[in-house]
Every structure is written in C-alpha cells, then in structure tokens.
Amino acid sequence: MANIKSAKKRIRVIDKKTARNRRIKNHLKAVLKNFDKAMEEGNLEVAQEKLRLAEKKLMQAAAKNTISKNAASRKVSRLTKRFNAAKAAK
C-alpha cells in the first residue's frame, strides 16, 4: 500500500482508467458480437448498420487509447472485408 499522497492519487486514477477501459472493451465485444450474429443470419441490412456502429465504437476506443489506432483500423478493415464478401456472394 502506498504511503505517499501522490502515489495514493495515482492508484485512484489508475483504478478509474482501468474501469473505463474495461467498460469500453466489454461494449466493443458486444457490438462485434451483434455484427457477427447479423452476418450469420445473412441479414445484410442489419449487418450494415452494425458495421457502421462497430466502426464508430472502434474509432472512439482508439481515440481514448483503450486500443491502439492500428488495431482499430485492422478490425474495421477485416469487418468491412467480410461484409463486402458476403454482399458480393448474394
């Protein structure tokens, strides 16, 4: 346990940031699951809306440094590629 006042404050700040990052990552997982579910059902209209939402949430997470910008871009690229392949197949 920290004894110095600034160290105690850092512990509190880290706890807040950890909670925020965990909340954002859990929300991201839910959004990505919704997109996967729509893709499995073959509902492209819903999948397109979920893709748009997933892209928005991934970029927001990257802006807050919860995930890296490259990771967010990579995930968006892969999701878009999957969606476009499914769209072309129909």
Protein backbone atom coordinates (compact mmCIF):
# COMPACT_ATOMS: atom_id res chain seq x y z
CA MET A 1 0.00 0.00 0.00
CA ALA A 2 1.29 3.43 -0.91
CA ASN A 3 2.18 5.88 1.84
CA ILE A 4 2.89 8.99 -0.24
CA LYS A 5 -0.07 11.18 -1.13
CA SER A 6 0.77 11.38 -4.85
CA ALA A 7 1.15 7.60 -5.04
CA LYS A 8 -2.28 7.16 -3.44
CA LYS A 9 -3.74 9.53 -6.01
CA ARG A 10 -2.09 7.60 -8.86
CA ILE A 11 -3.71 4.41 -7.56
CA ARG A 12 -7.13 6.08 -7.62
CA VAL A 13 -6.55 7.47 -11.12
CA ILE A 14 -5.38 4.10 -12.44
CA ASP A 15 -8.46 2.41 -10.95
CA LYS A 16 -10.73 4.88 -12.76
CA LYS A 17 -8.93 4.43 -16.06
CA THR A 18 -8.96 0.64 -15.71
CA ALA A 19 -12.70 0.68 -15.05
CA ARG A 20 -13.32 2.92 -18.08
CA ASN A 21 -11.15 0.76 -20.36
CA ARG A 22 -12.86 -2.42 -19.16
CA ARG A 23 -16.30 -0.88 -19.77
CA ILE A 24 -15.31 0.25 -23.28
CA LYS A 25 -13.81 -3.15 -24.19
CA ASN A 26 -16.89 -5.01 -22.95
CA HIS A 27 -19.10 -2.72 -25.02
CA LEU A 28 -16.88 -3.32 -28.06
CA LYS A 29 -17.20 -7.08 -27.63
CA ALA A 30 -20.99 -6.78 -27.53
CA VAL A 31 -21.07 -4.60 -30.65
CA LEU A 32 -18.83 -7.03 -32.55
CA LYS A 33 -20.96 -9.99 -31.45
CA ASN A 34 -24.06 -8.22 -32.78
CA PHE A 35 -22.33 -7.76 -36.14
CA ASP A 36 -21.28 -11.44 -36.22
CA LYS A 37 -24.82 -12.52 -35.38
CA ALA A 38 -26.28 -10.40 -38.19
CA MET A 39 -23.73 -11.82 -40.63
CA GLU A 40 -24.52 -15.42 -39.63
CA GLU A 41 -28.23 -14.80 -40.16
CA GLY A 42 -27.44 -13.37 -43.59
CA ASN A 43 -29.31 -10.15 -42.84
CA LEU A 44 -27.15 -7.67 -44.76
CA GLU A 45 -29.24 -4.59 -43.98
CA VAL A 46 -28.88 -5.12 -40.24
CA ALA A 47 -25.24 -6.15 -40.69
CA GLN A 48 -24.53 -2.88 -42.49
CA GLU A 49 -25.97 -0.88 -39.58
CA LYS A 50 -23.99 -2.99 -37.08
CA LEU A 51 -20.83 -2.49 -39.16
CA ARG A 52 -21.30 1.27 -39.10
CA LEU A 53 -21.80 1.19 -35.33
CA ALA A 54 -18.81 -1.12 -34.84
CA GLU A 55 -16.56 1.19 -36.86
CA LYS A 56 -17.70 4.19 -34.83
CA LYS A 57 -17.14 2.45 -31.48
CA LEU A 58 -13.74 1.07 -32.52
CA MET A 59 -12.53 4.52 -33.57
CA GLN A 60 -13.84 6.04 -30.34
CA ALA A 61 -11.95 3.41 -28.34
CA ALA A 62 -8.82 4.19 -30.33
CA ALA A 63 -9.25 7.92 -29.70
CA LYS A 64 -9.37 7.23 -25.94
CA ASN A 65 -6.27 4.97 -26.23
CA THR A 66 -8.21 1.95 -24.96
CA ILE A 67 -6.99 0.08 -28.03
CA SER A 68 -4.34 1.21 -30.48
CA LYS A 69 -5.29 3.08 -33.64
CA ASN A 70 -3.73 0.38 -35.81
CA ALA A 71 -5.70 -2.36 -34.04
CA ALA A 72 -8.93 -0.42 -34.54
CA SER A 73 -8.19 0.15 -38.22
CA ARG A 74 -7.26 -3.51 -38.70
CA LYS A 75 -10.51 -4.69 -37.10
CA VAL A 76 -12.59 -2.25 -39.17
CA SER A 77 -10.81 -3.41 -42.33
CA ARG A 78 -11.45 -7.08 -41.57
CA LEU A 79 -15.11 -6.48 -40.72
CA THR A 80 -15.64 -4.46 -43.90
CA LYS A 81 -13.90 -7.12 -45.96
CA ARG A 82 -16.20 -9.83 -44.50
CA PHE A 83 -19.27 -7.71 -45.15
CA ASN A 84 -18.30 -6.92 -48.74
CA ALA A 85 -17.55 -10.59 -49.46
CA ALA A 86 -20.98 -11.61 -48.13
CA LYS A 87 -22.60 -8.83 -50.15
CA ALA A 88 -20.85 -9.92 -53.34
CA ALA A 89 -21.85 -13.54 -52.76
CA LYS A 90 -25.56 -12.64 -52.73
